[in-house]
Amino acid sequence: MISKDLSQASGHMADQAARSADQAIDATRSAIGQKIDGMADTVRGLQDQAAPLLDRATDVAKRGVDAARDTSADLINRAGKATDATVGYVKDEPVKAMLIAAAVGAALMALMSAMSRGGRN
């Protein structure tokens, strides 16, 4: 009879231990689920904050590309006008243009010569 009582008591204790373990597992699952939900909310919040910044960065980059394209087109246009003006001047004043070109060439040669001598010292 004592062995039967001990057997019942140990079975009862085993059942309680199993229930306690199940409760601990359920509590752990619940805590982990809450943490995961909190992390997911944080990630969603970061995505919501990052989206406008990325949109703004994209807009700034697009405006930069557009400005560079416009500046490039303007420079090409100005270079074309300068070329036309130079050709027109050479046609109208060929002797004067040759003298100016020779003077500029001589000045550049003198500058390069002075720079090369300065580098050797």
Protein backbone atom coordinates (compact mmCIF):
# COMPACT_ATOMS: atom_id res chain seq x y z
CA MET A 1 0.00 0.00 0.00
CA ILE A 2 2.82 2.39 0.82
CA SER A 3 4.41 1.56 -2.51
CA LYS A 4 1.07 2.29 -4.21
CA ASP A 5 0.84 5.66 -2.41
CA LEU A 6 4.42 6.45 -3.35
CA SER A 7 3.73 5.44 -6.93
CA GLN A 8 0.64 7.67 -7.07
CA ALA A 9 2.52 10.56 -5.43
CA SER A 10 5.41 10.26 -7.85
CA GLY A 11 2.98 10.07 -10.80
CA HIS A 12 1.20 13.17 -9.49
CA MET A 13 4.54 15.00 -9.14
CA ALA A 14 5.56 13.93 -12.66
CA ASP A 15 2.26 15.26 -14.00
CA GLN A 16 2.79 18.56 -12.19
CA ALA A 17 6.35 18.78 -13.50
CA ALA A 18 5.11 18.10 -17.04
CA ARG A 19 2.40 20.78 -16.69
CA SER A 20 4.96 23.24 -15.33
CA ALA A 21 7.29 22.48 -18.23
CA ASP A 22 4.44 22.95 -20.71
CA GLN A 23 3.54 26.27 -19.08
CA ALA A 24 7.18 27.40 -19.20
CA ILE A 25 7.40 26.42 -22.89
CA ASP A 26 4.16 28.28 -23.66
CA ALA A 27 5.36 31.37 -21.76
CA THR A 28 8.69 31.27 -23.62
CA ARG A 29 6.91 30.92 -26.98
CA SER A 30 4.68 33.85 -26.11
CA ALA A 31 7.63 36.03 -25.04
CA ILE A 32 9.56 35.15 -28.19
CA GLY A 33 6.50 35.89 -30.32
CA GLN A 34 6.11 39.29 -28.67
CA LYS A 35 9.80 40.08 -29.21
CA ILE A 36 9.57 39.05 -32.87
CA ASP A 37 6.46 41.19 -33.33
CA GLY A 38 8.27 44.12 -31.69
CA MET A 39 11.28 43.63 -33.96
CA ALA A 40 9.01 43.45 -37.02
CA ASP A 41 7.35 46.70 -35.96
CA THR A 42 10.78 48.30 -35.55
CA VAL A 43 11.86 47.15 -39.01
CA ARG A 44 8.62 48.48 -40.53
CA GLY A 45 9.22 51.79 -38.76
CA LEU A 46 12.76 51.98 -40.12
CA GLN A 47 11.49 51.19 -43.62
CA ASP A 48 8.89 53.94 -43.29
CA GLN A 49 11.60 56.40 -42.20
CA ALA A 50 14.05 55.31 -44.91
CA ALA A 51 11.60 55.52 -47.82
CA PRO A 52 11.29 59.34 -47.81
CA LEU A 53 15.07 59.69 -47.46
CA LEU A 54 15.64 57.40 -50.44
CA ASP A 55 13.02 59.29 -52.44
CA ARG A 56 14.72 62.58 -51.58
CA ALA A 57 18.16 61.21 -52.49
CA THR A 58 16.79 59.96 -55.81
CA ASP A 59 15.28 63.38 -56.54
CA VAL A 60 18.56 65.13 -55.70
CA ALA A 61 20.53 62.74 -57.92
CA LYS A 62 18.04 63.23 -60.78
CA ARG A 63 18.27 67.01 -60.46
CA GLY A 64 22.08 66.75 -60.47
CA VAL A 65 22.06 64.67 -63.64
CA ASP A 66 19.62 67.08 -65.28
CA ALA A 67 21.76 70.08 -64.28
CA ALA A 68 24.91 68.40 -65.63
CA ARG A 69 23.11 67.61 -68.90
CA ASP A 70 21.90 71.22 -69.21
CA THR A 71 25.37 72.61 -68.39
CA SER A 72 26.98 70.28 -70.91
CA ALA A 73 24.54 71.35 -73.63
CA ASP A 74 25.18 75.01 -72.76
CA LEU A 75 28.97 74.53 -72.92
CA ILE A 76 28.69 72.78 -76.28
CA ASN A 77 26.54 75.64 -77.56
CA ARG A 78 29.00 78.28 -76.28
CA ALA A 79 31.98 76.41 -77.75
CA GLY A 80 30.20 76.30 -81.10
CA LYS A 81 29.56 80.05 -80.97
CA ALA A 82 33.17 80.74 -79.97
CA THR A 83 34.41 78.60 -82.84
CA ASP A 84 32.16 80.42 -85.29
CA ALA A 85 33.31 83.77 -83.94
CA THR A 86 36.97 82.75 -84.20
CA VAL A 87 36.56 81.51 -87.76
CA GLY A 88 34.76 84.75 -88.64
CA TYR A 89 37.54 86.84 -87.09
CA VAL A 90 40.26 84.90 -88.93
CA LYS A 91 38.39 85.41 -92.21
CA ASP A 92 37.92 89.14 -91.55
CA GLU A 93 41.41 89.86 -90.09
CA PRO A 94 43.81 87.11 -91.22
CA VAL A 95 47.04 89.03 -90.62
CA LYS A 96 46.00 90.23 -87.18
CA ALA A 97 44.84 86.67 -86.27
CA MET A 98 48.22 85.23 -87.33
CA LEU A 99 50.10 87.80 -85.25
CA ILE A 100 47.93 87.10 -82.19
CA ALA A 101 48.41 83.33 -82.62
CA ALA A 102 52.17 83.77 -82.92
CA ALA A 103 52.29 85.98 -79.79
CA VAL A 104 50.24 83.49 -77.78
CA GLY A 105 52.42 80.61 -78.98
CA ALA A 106 55.61 82.49 -78.03
CA ALA A 107 54.20 83.32 -74.59
CA LEU A 108 53.27 79.69 -73.99
CA MET A 109 56.74 78.51 -75.07
CA ALA A 110 58.40 81.04 -72.73
CA LEU A 111 56.17 79.92 -69.88
CA MET A 112 56.93 76.24 -70.50
CA SER A 113 60.64 76.97 -70.75
CA ALA A 114 60.61 78.89 -67.47
CA MET A 115 58.66 76.09 -65.77
CA SER A 116 61.06 73.40 -67.00
CA ARG A 117 64.10 75.37 -65.79
CA GLY A 118 62.46 75.93 -62.43
CA GLY A 119 61.92 72.18 -61.99
CA ARG A 120 65.62 71.41 -62.56
CA ASN A 121 66.84 73.77 -59.81
